[in-house]
C-alpha cells in the first residue's frame, strides 16, 4: 500500500498548529505572570500604606488600632508582599514608564540630609532612654537614613 501524497503537507500543518498553540500558551503564561506580579505589587502598596496609617494612629492613641487588628499580622503581609514584589520585578516596569525631572546633585544631597535629620529626630523621640546613648543611636540612624536616601537618589539618576 502506498502512502497518500498529501502526508507531508498534513504533517507540516500539524507542526504549524502545534507552534501556534505553544505561542498562545506562552503568551497566556506571560500575561498571567504580569497580572500576578502587578497584583502582588498593588497588595504591597496598599498594605504598606494601611500599615503606616494604622501604626501612626496606634502611636498617637495607644491601643486604638491594635484593639481590633494585630499589626504584626499586617506587617507580615507587608514584608511577604514586598519580597514577592522585589522577586517578580514589580517596580521595574513602573520605573521605565515614569519620566522624572533630573535634579542637580546638590538638591538630591540636600533632600537626603533633610530626610536623615528628620529620621534622627524621630528616632530620638521614639527612644525611651535619655543621655548620650539616645543621641548616639539617633545620630547613627539619621546618618544611615541619609546615606540610603543619597544612594537611592544616585541609582535613580543613573537609570538603574
C-alpha atoms as a PDB file:
ATOM      1  CA  UNK A   1       0.000   0.000   0.000  1.00  0.00           C
ATOM      2  CA  UNK A   2       1.264   3.437  -0.845  1.00  0.00           C
ATOM      3  CA  UNK A   3       1.065   6.494   1.383  1.00  0.00           C
ATOM      4  CA  UNK A   4      -1.009   9.416   0.195  1.00  0.00           C
ATOM      5  CA  UNK A   5       0.919  12.225  -1.437  1.00  0.00           C
ATOM      6  CA  UNK A   6      -0.638  14.761   0.920  1.00  0.00           C
ATOM      7  CA  UNK A   7       1.019  13.250   4.046  1.00  0.00           C
ATOM      8  CA  UNK A   8       3.913  15.774   4.140  1.00  0.00           C
ATOM      9  CA  UNK A   9       1.588  18.751   3.916  1.00  0.00           C
ATOM     10  CA  UNK A  10      -0.595  17.395   6.730  1.00  0.00           C
ATOM     11  CA  UNK A  11       2.452  16.907   8.946  1.00  0.00           C
ATOM     12  CA  UNK A  12       3.583  20.481   8.229  1.00  0.00           C
ATOM     13  CA  UNK A  13       0.099  21.794   9.072  1.00  0.00           C
ATOM     14  CA  UNK A  14       0.170  19.841  12.341  1.00  0.00           C
ATOM     15  CA  UNK A  15       3.581  21.304  13.239  1.00  0.00           C
ATOM     16  CA  UNK A  16       2.366  24.821  12.418  1.00  0.00           C
ATOM     17  CA  UNK A  17      -0.723  24.334  14.561  1.00  0.00           C
ATOM     18  CA  UNK A  18       1.422  22.993  17.433  1.00  0.00           C
ATOM     19  CA  UNK A  19       3.721  26.018  17.160  1.00  0.00           C
ATOM     20  CA  UNK A  20       0.736  28.382  17.232  1.00  0.00           C
ATOM     21  CA  UNK A  21      -0.671  26.618  20.282  1.00  0.00           C
ATOM     22  CA  UNK A  22       2.689  26.834  22.065  1.00  0.00           C
ATOM     23  CA  UNK A  23       2.917  30.521  21.182  1.00  0.00           C
ATOM     24  CA  UNK A  24      -0.564  31.172  22.563  1.00  0.00           C
ATOM     25  CA  UNK A  25       0.240  29.211  25.714  1.00  0.00           C
ATOM     26  CA  UNK A  26       3.466  31.173  26.269  1.00  0.00           C
ATOM     27  CA  UNK A  27       1.615  34.424  25.669  1.00  0.00           C
ATOM     28  CA  UNK A  28      -1.036  33.400  28.197  1.00  0.00           C
ATOM     29  CA  UNK A  29       1.619  32.457  30.769  1.00  0.00           C
ATOM     30  CA  UNK A  30       3.378  35.831  30.285  1.00  0.00           C
ATOM     31  CA  UNK A  31       0.091  37.690  30.714  1.00  0.00           C
ATOM     32  CA  UNK A  32      -0.750  35.653  33.809  1.00  0.00           C
ATOM     33  CA  UNK A  33       2.723  36.309  35.277  1.00  0.00           C
ATOM     34  CA  UNK A  34       2.387  40.059  34.602  1.00  0.00           C
ATOM     35  CA  UNK A  35      -1.082  40.078  36.181  1.00  0.00           C
ATOM     36  CA  UNK A  36       0.153  38.236  39.288  1.00  0.00           C
ATOM     37  CA  UNK A  37       3.233  40.483  39.602  1.00  0.00           C
ATOM     38  CA  UNK A  38       1.098  43.613  39.268  1.00  0.00           C
ATOM     39  CA  UNK A  39      -1.426  42.259  41.773  1.00  0.00           C
ATOM     40  CA  UNK A  40       1.288  41.491  44.320  1.00  0.00           C
ATOM     41  CA  UNK A  41       2.740  44.977  43.785  1.00  0.00           C
ATOM     42  CA  UNK A  42      -0.677  46.546  44.362  1.00  0.00           C
ATOM     43  CA  UNK A  43      -1.215  44.455  47.517  1.00  0.00           C
ATOM     44  CA  UNK A  44       2.199  45.593  48.775  1.00  0.00           C
ATOM     45  CA  UNK A  45       1.469  49.266  48.150  1.00  0.00           C
ATOM     46  CA  UNK A  46      -1.978  49.111  49.747  1.00  0.00           C
ATOM     47  CA  UNK A  47      -0.926  47.044  52.765  1.00  0.00           C
ATOM     48  CA  UNK A  48       2.135  49.232  53.355  1.00  0.00           C
ATOM     49  CA  UNK A  49       0.036  52.394  53.297  1.00  0.00           C
ATOM     50  CA  UNK A  50      -2.605  50.900  55.601  1.00  0.00           C
ATOM     51  CA  UNK A  51       0.088  49.616  57.971  1.00  0.00           C
ATOM     52  CA  UNK A  52       1.756  53.031  58.211  1.00  0.00           C
ATOM     53  CA  UNK A  53      -1.544  54.819  58.839  1.00  0.00           C
ATOM     54  CA  UNK A  54      -2.623  52.327  61.497  1.00  0.00           C
ATOM     55  CA  UNK A  55       0.819  52.394  63.122  1.00  0.00           C
ATOM     56  CA  UNK A  56       0.736  56.178  63.416  1.00  0.00           C
ATOM     57  CA  UNK A  57      -2.819  56.064  64.755  1.00  0.00           C
ATOM     58  CA  UNK A  58      -1.804  53.418  67.274  1.00  0.00           C
ATOM     59  CA  UNK A  59       1.173  55.506  68.403  1.00  0.00           C
ATOM     60  CA  UNK A  60      -0.961  58.632  68.782  1.00  0.00           C
ATOM     61  CA  UNK A  61      -3.794  56.910  70.604  1.00  0.00           C
ATOM     62  CA  UNK A  62      -2.361  53.893  72.429  1.00  0.00           C
ATOM     63  CA  UNK A  63      -4.144  50.656  71.580  1.00  0.00           C
ATOM     64  CA  UNK A  64      -6.556  52.190  69.073  1.00  0.00           C
ATOM     65  CA  UNK A  65      -5.586  50.062  66.068  1.00  0.00           C
ATOM     66  CA  UNK A  66      -4.235  47.085  67.992  1.00  0.00           C
ATOM     67  CA  UNK A  67      -7.596  46.732  69.736  1.00  0.00           C
ATOM     68  CA  UNK A  68      -9.251  45.374  66.579  1.00  0.00           C
ATOM     69  CA  UNK A  69      -6.277  44.362  64.416  1.00  0.00           C
ATOM     70  CA  UNK A  70      -2.971  42.711  65.173  1.00  0.00           C
ATOM     71  CA  UNK A  71      -0.440  44.992  63.490  1.00  0.00           C
ATOM     72  CA  UNK A  72       2.162  42.204  63.397  1.00  0.00           C
ATOM     73  CA  UNK A  73      -0.065  40.198  61.044  1.00  0.00           C
ATOM     74  CA  UNK A  74      -0.349  43.189  58.743  1.00  0.00           C
ATOM     75  CA  UNK A  75       3.418  43.672  58.970  1.00  0.00           C
ATOM     76  CA  UNK A  76       3.945  40.073  57.834  1.00  0.00           C
ATOM     77  CA  UNK A  77       1.689  40.756  54.855  1.00  0.00           C
ATOM     78  CA  UNK A  78       3.716  43.873  54.031  1.00  0.00           C
ATOM     79  CA  UNK A  79       7.022  42.010  54.257  1.00  0.00           C
ATOM     80  CA  UNK A  80       5.835  38.974  52.281  1.00  0.00           C
ATOM     81  CA  UNK A  81       4.256  41.039  49.510  1.00  0.00           C
ATOM     82  CA  UNK A  82       7.327  43.298  49.434  1.00  0.00           C
ATOM     83  CA  UNK A  83       9.647  40.336  48.989  1.00  0.00           C
ATOM     84  CA  UNK A  84       7.422  38.885  46.262  1.00  0.00           C
ATOM     85  CA  UNK A  85       7.274  42.293  44.568  1.00  0.00           C
ATOM     86  CA  UNK A  86      11.054  42.526  44.593  1.00  0.00           C
ATOM     87  CA  UNK A  87      11.449  38.963  43.292  1.00  0.00           C
ATOM     88  CA  UNK A  88       8.954  39.433  40.467  1.00  0.00           C
ATOM     89  CA  UNK A  89      10.400  42.796  39.464  1.00  0.00           C
ATOM     90  CA  UNK A  90       7.137  44.567  40.172  1.00  0.00           C
ATOM     91  CA  UNK A  91       8.616  48.053  40.369  1.00  0.00           C
ATOM     92  CA  UNK A  92      10.991  47.745  37.424  1.00  0.00           C
ATOM     93  CA  UNK A  93       8.220  48.199  34.830  1.00  0.00           C
ATOM     94  CA  UNK A  94       6.740  51.233  36.559  1.00  0.00           C
ATOM     95  CA  UNK A  95      10.144  52.908  36.786  1.00  0.00           C
ATOM     96  CA  UNK A  96      10.532  52.656  32.998  1.00  0.00           C
ATOM     97  CA  UNK A  97       7.171  54.271  32.313  1.00  0.00           C
ATOM     98  CA  UNK A  98       7.503  57.297  34.604  1.00  0.00           C
ATOM     99  CA  UNK A  99       9.598  60.165  33.292  1.00  0.00           C
ATOM    100  CA  UNK A 100      11.195  62.123  36.090  1.00  0.00           C
ATOM    101  CA  UNK A 101      12.794  65.511  36.084  1.00  0.00           C
ATOM    102  CA  UNK A 102      16.555  65.348  36.560  1.00  0.00           C
ATOM    103  CA  UNK A 103      17.514  67.309  39.665  1.00  0.00           C
ATOM    104  CA  UNK A 104      21.008  68.653  40.342  1.00  0.00           C
ATOM    105  CA  UNK A 105      23.233  66.675  42.679  1.00  0.00           C
ATOM    106  CA  UNK A 106      23.080  69.309  45.419  1.00  0.00           C
ATOM    107  CA  UNK A 107      19.260  69.081  45.540  1.00  0.00           C
ATOM    108  CA  UNK A 108      19.438  65.304  45.941  1.00  0.00           C
ATOM    109  CA  UNK A 109      22.077  65.660  48.666  1.00  0.00           C
ATOM    110  CA  UNK A 110      20.017  68.303  50.480  1.00  0.00           C
ATOM    111  CA  UNK A 111      16.909  66.091  50.375  1.00  0.00           C
ATOM    112  CA  UNK A 112      18.916  63.136  51.696  1.00  0.00           C
ATOM    113  CA  UNK A 113      20.320  65.273  54.524  1.00  0.00           C
ATOM    114  CA  UNK A 114      16.843  66.557  55.397  1.00  0.00           C
ATOM    115  CA  UNK A 115      15.460  63.013  55.477  1.00  0.00           C
ATOM    116  CA  UNK A 116      18.380  61.952  57.678  1.00  0.00           C
ATOM    117  CA  UNK A 117      17.793  64.838  60.093  1.00  0.00           C
ATOM    118  CA  UNK A 118      14.068  64.120  60.207  1.00  0.00           C
ATOM    119  CA  UNK A 119      14.784  60.444  60.831  1.00  0.00           C
ATOM    120  CA  UNK A 120      17.250  61.277  63.600  1.00  0.00           C
ATOM    121  CA  UNK A 121      14.658  63.467  65.339  1.00  0.00           C
ATOM    122  CA  UNK A 122      12.021  60.723  65.000  1.00  0.00           C
ATOM    123  CA  UNK A 123      14.409  58.111  66.391  1.00  0.00           C
ATOM    124  CA  UNK A 124      15.377  60.359  69.295  1.00  0.00           C
ATOM    125  CA  UNK A 125      11.709  60.984  70.082  1.00  0.00           C
ATOM    126  CA  UNK A 126      10.906  57.263  69.963  1.00  0.00           C
ATOM    127  CA  UNK A 127      13.758  56.137  72.255  1.00  0.00           C
ATOM    128  CA  UNK A 128      12.617  55.891  75.864  1.00  0.00           C
ATOM    129  CA  UNK A 129      16.158  56.346  77.236  1.00  0.00           C
ATOM    130  CA  UNK A 130      17.884  59.682  77.614  1.00  0.00           C
ATOM    131  CA  UNK A 131      21.527  60.631  77.557  1.00  0.00           C
ATOM    132  CA  UNK A 132      24.391  60.070  75.212  1.00  0.00           C
ATOM    133  CA  UNK A 133      23.162  56.609  74.146  1.00  0.00           C
ATOM    134  CA  UNK A 134      19.947  58.058  72.752  1.00  0.00           C
ATOM    135  CA  UNK A 135      21.806  60.866  70.987  1.00  0.00           C
ATOM    136  CA  UNK A 136      24.398  58.478  69.559  1.00  0.00           C
ATOM    137  CA  UNK A 137      21.834  55.966  68.302  1.00  0.00           C
ATOM    138  CA  UNK A 138      19.632  58.664  66.780  1.00  0.00           C
ATOM    139  CA  UNK A 139      22.638  60.228  65.020  1.00  0.00           C
ATOM    140  CA  UNK A 140      23.689  56.803  63.699  1.00  0.00           C
ATOM    141  CA  UNK A 141      20.155  56.127  62.479  1.00  0.00           C
ATOM    142  CA  UNK A 142      19.940  59.553  60.858  1.00  0.00           C
ATOM    143  CA  UNK A 143      23.260  59.003  59.081  1.00  0.00           C
ATOM    144  CA  UNK A 144      22.071  55.602  57.871  1.00  0.00           C
ATOM    145  CA  UNK A 145      18.823  57.092  56.559  1.00  0.00           C
ATOM    146  CA  UNK A 146      20.664  59.944  54.829  1.00  0.00           C
ATOM    147  CA  UNK A 147      23.159  57.533  53.260  1.00  0.00           C
ATOM    148  CA  UNK A 148      20.438  55.223  51.966  1.00  0.00           C
ATOM    149  CA  UNK A 149      18.422  58.157  50.603  1.00  0.00           C
ATOM    150  CA  UNK A 150      21.503  59.547  48.868  1.00  0.00           C
ATOM    151  CA  UNK A 151      22.393  56.146  47.361  1.00  0.00           C
ATOM    152  CA  UNK A 152      18.828  55.634  46.154  1.00  0.00           C
ATOM    153  CA  UNK A 153      18.765  59.073  44.549  1.00  0.00           C
ATOM    154  CA  UNK A 154      22.064  58.352  42.829  1.00  0.00           C
ATOM    155  CA  UNK A 155      20.902  54.995  41.469  1.00  0.00           C
ATOM    156  CA  UNK A 156      17.599  56.511  40.300  1.00  0.00           C
ATOM    157  CA  UNK A 157      19.518  59.208  38.444  1.00  0.00           C
ATOM    158  CA  UNK A 158      21.618  56.637  36.617  1.00  0.00           C
ATOM    159  CA  UNK A 159      18.535  54.824  35.361  1.00  0.00           C
ATOM    160  CA  UNK A 160      19.122  51.743  37.489  1.00  0.00           C
END
